[in-house]
Each structure stands twice: as C-alpha cells, then as structure tokens.
Amino acid sequence: MAADSNSKVAWHRAQIRKHRAALKRIETAKFTVGESADTRAVARTRTLVAQLNQKIKQSEHVIAQHERQTRRPLATDLRSLSSVPWSNWNAHGTGPR
C-alpha cells in the first residue's frame, strides 16, 4: 500500500488496523479462556465489539470517500473512460485542482 499524502486518511487506516487487532484479541480470548458466565461481562464484551465494528465502518467510509475522489479508473475500455470526469484530476493525480 502506498503512503497516504492525506494525514486524515492515514490516521483512519491506522485506526482500522488497531480496532481489527482488538477484535482479534477479543475473539481469541473467547476461545483460549472461554466465555464468562457473568452476564454483565458478556454484555460489556458485546458492547465493545459493536463499538469497534462501528468505528471500523466509519473509518472505512472516510477512506472509501477519499479514494473515490482521488483514484483514477483502473479499466481502460472506452465505456469506462467516457464516464470519468477528467477535469477533477491534475497532471500528477493528487486530487482536485
């Protein structure tokens, strides 16, 4: 993956990695330690998982929005190229002018 010139996008990519690692730790702890019989602990874990998933979705949305604005089309057929607003890109492909 190329380095991000936009620090906001780079921050969101780092957050996604961090949150996915936390989800992985929670899931592996469930299998190595076992699930707790305490209903409050189970509820807290479910709430934490839901919050982490929500944060991941928000960060993915920000990244997807940035990529839609800055990425050039990968296809080179006439149909896909004719629907692209080329005036949005400069000569270096770094985004709007």
Protein backbone atom coordinates (compact mmCIF):
# COMPACT_ATOMS: atom_id res chain seq x y z
CA MET A 1 0.00 0.00 0.00
CA ALA A 2 1.32 3.42 -0.92
CA ALA A 3 1.83 6.07 1.72
CA ASP A 4 -1.07 8.47 2.15
CA SER A 5 -0.47 12.13 1.44
CA ASN A 6 -3.63 12.93 3.42
CA SER A 7 -2.90 12.58 7.15
CA LYS A 8 -6.60 12.13 7.97
CA VAL A 9 -6.79 9.06 5.72
CA ALA A 10 -3.55 7.68 7.14
CA TRP A 11 -4.94 8.11 10.66
CA HIS A 12 -8.12 6.23 9.72
CA ARG A 13 -6.08 3.39 8.17
CA ALA A 14 -4.11 3.11 11.43
CA GLN A 15 -7.34 3.11 13.45
CA ILE A 16 -8.74 0.29 11.34
CA ARG A 17 -5.61 -1.79 11.99
CA LYS A 18 -5.81 -1.04 15.72
CA HIS A 19 -9.52 -1.86 16.02
CA ARG A 20 -9.22 -5.06 13.99
CA ALA A 21 -6.36 -6.17 16.23
CA ALA A 22 -8.53 -5.51 19.29
CA LEU A 23 -11.38 -7.54 17.78
CA LYS A 24 -8.96 -10.38 17.07
CA ARG A 25 -7.72 -10.31 20.69
CA ILE A 26 -11.30 -10.47 21.96
CA GLU A 27 -12.17 -13.39 19.69
CA THR A 28 -9.03 -15.36 20.55
CA ALA A 29 -9.56 -14.73 24.26
CA LYS A 30 -13.03 -16.19 23.90
CA PHE A 31 -11.54 -19.48 22.69
CA THR A 32 -8.43 -19.63 24.87
CA VAL A 33 -10.02 -18.54 28.15
CA GLY A 34 -13.64 -19.38 27.44
CA GLU A 35 -16.72 -17.24 27.71
CA SER A 36 -17.56 -15.80 31.09
CA ALA A 37 -20.68 -16.92 32.91
CA ASP A 38 -21.13 -13.37 34.19
CA THR A 39 -23.91 -11.77 32.13
CA ARG A 40 -22.52 -8.27 32.73
CA ALA A 41 -19.12 -9.25 31.35
CA VAL A 42 -20.77 -10.79 28.28
CA ALA A 43 -22.85 -7.65 27.76
CA ARG A 44 -19.75 -5.43 28.09
CA THR A 45 -17.88 -7.56 25.57
CA ARG A 46 -20.77 -7.42 23.10
CA THR A 47 -20.99 -3.65 23.52
CA LEU A 48 -17.24 -3.30 22.99
CA VAL A 49 -17.38 -5.45 19.84
CA ALA A 50 -20.29 -3.41 18.48
CA GLN A 51 -18.44 -0.15 19.17
CA LEU A 52 -15.27 -1.40 17.49
CA ASN A 53 -17.24 -2.57 14.44
CA GLN A 54 -18.94 0.83 14.22
CA LYS A 55 -15.60 2.65 14.41
CA ILE A 56 -14.18 0.39 11.69
CA LYS A 57 -17.16 1.12 9.44
CA GLN A 58 -16.78 4.88 9.97
CA SER A 59 -13.08 4.77 9.12
CA GLU A 60 -13.72 2.61 6.06
CA HIS A 61 -16.32 5.13 4.91
CA VAL A 62 -13.83 8.02 5.19
CA ILE A 63 -11.19 6.05 3.28
CA ALA A 64 -13.64 4.97 0.57
CA GLN A 65 -14.82 8.56 0.12
CA HIS A 66 -11.21 9.75 -0.23
CA GLU A 67 -10.40 7.01 -2.75
CA ARG A 68 -13.48 7.80 -4.85
CA GLN A 69 -12.30 11.40 -5.10
CA THR A 70 -8.64 10.75 -5.87
CA ARG A 71 -8.26 7.43 -7.68
CA ARG A 72 -8.07 7.15 -11.41
CA PRO A 73 -10.09 4.40 -13.09
CA LEU A 74 -8.31 1.09 -13.47
CA ALA A 75 -10.15 0.00 -16.61
CA THR A 76 -9.05 1.36 -19.96
CA ASP A 77 -12.00 0.48 -22.17
CA LEU A 78 -13.84 3.28 -23.94
CA ARG A 79 -17.09 2.90 -21.98
CA SER A 80 -15.46 3.27 -18.53
CA LEU A 81 -13.19 6.10 -19.64
CA SER A 82 -16.01 8.08 -21.26
CA SER A 83 -17.88 8.31 -17.96
CA VAL A 84 -14.94 9.75 -15.99
CA PRO A 85 -14.81 13.48 -15.16
CA TRP A 86 -11.16 14.01 -16.11
CA SER A 87 -11.29 17.68 -15.18
CA ASN A 88 -11.13 16.65 -11.50
CA TRP A 89 -7.51 15.46 -11.73
CA ASN A 90 -4.30 17.35 -12.25
CA ALA A 91 -1.26 16.04 -14.10
CA HIS A 92 0.15 14.28 -11.01
CA GLY A 93 -3.04 12.54 -9.88
CA THR A 94 -3.02 14.04 -6.38
CA GLY A 95 -6.64 15.13 -6.38
CA PRO A 96 -8.79 18.12 -7.31
CA ARG A 97 -7.17 21.26 -8.60
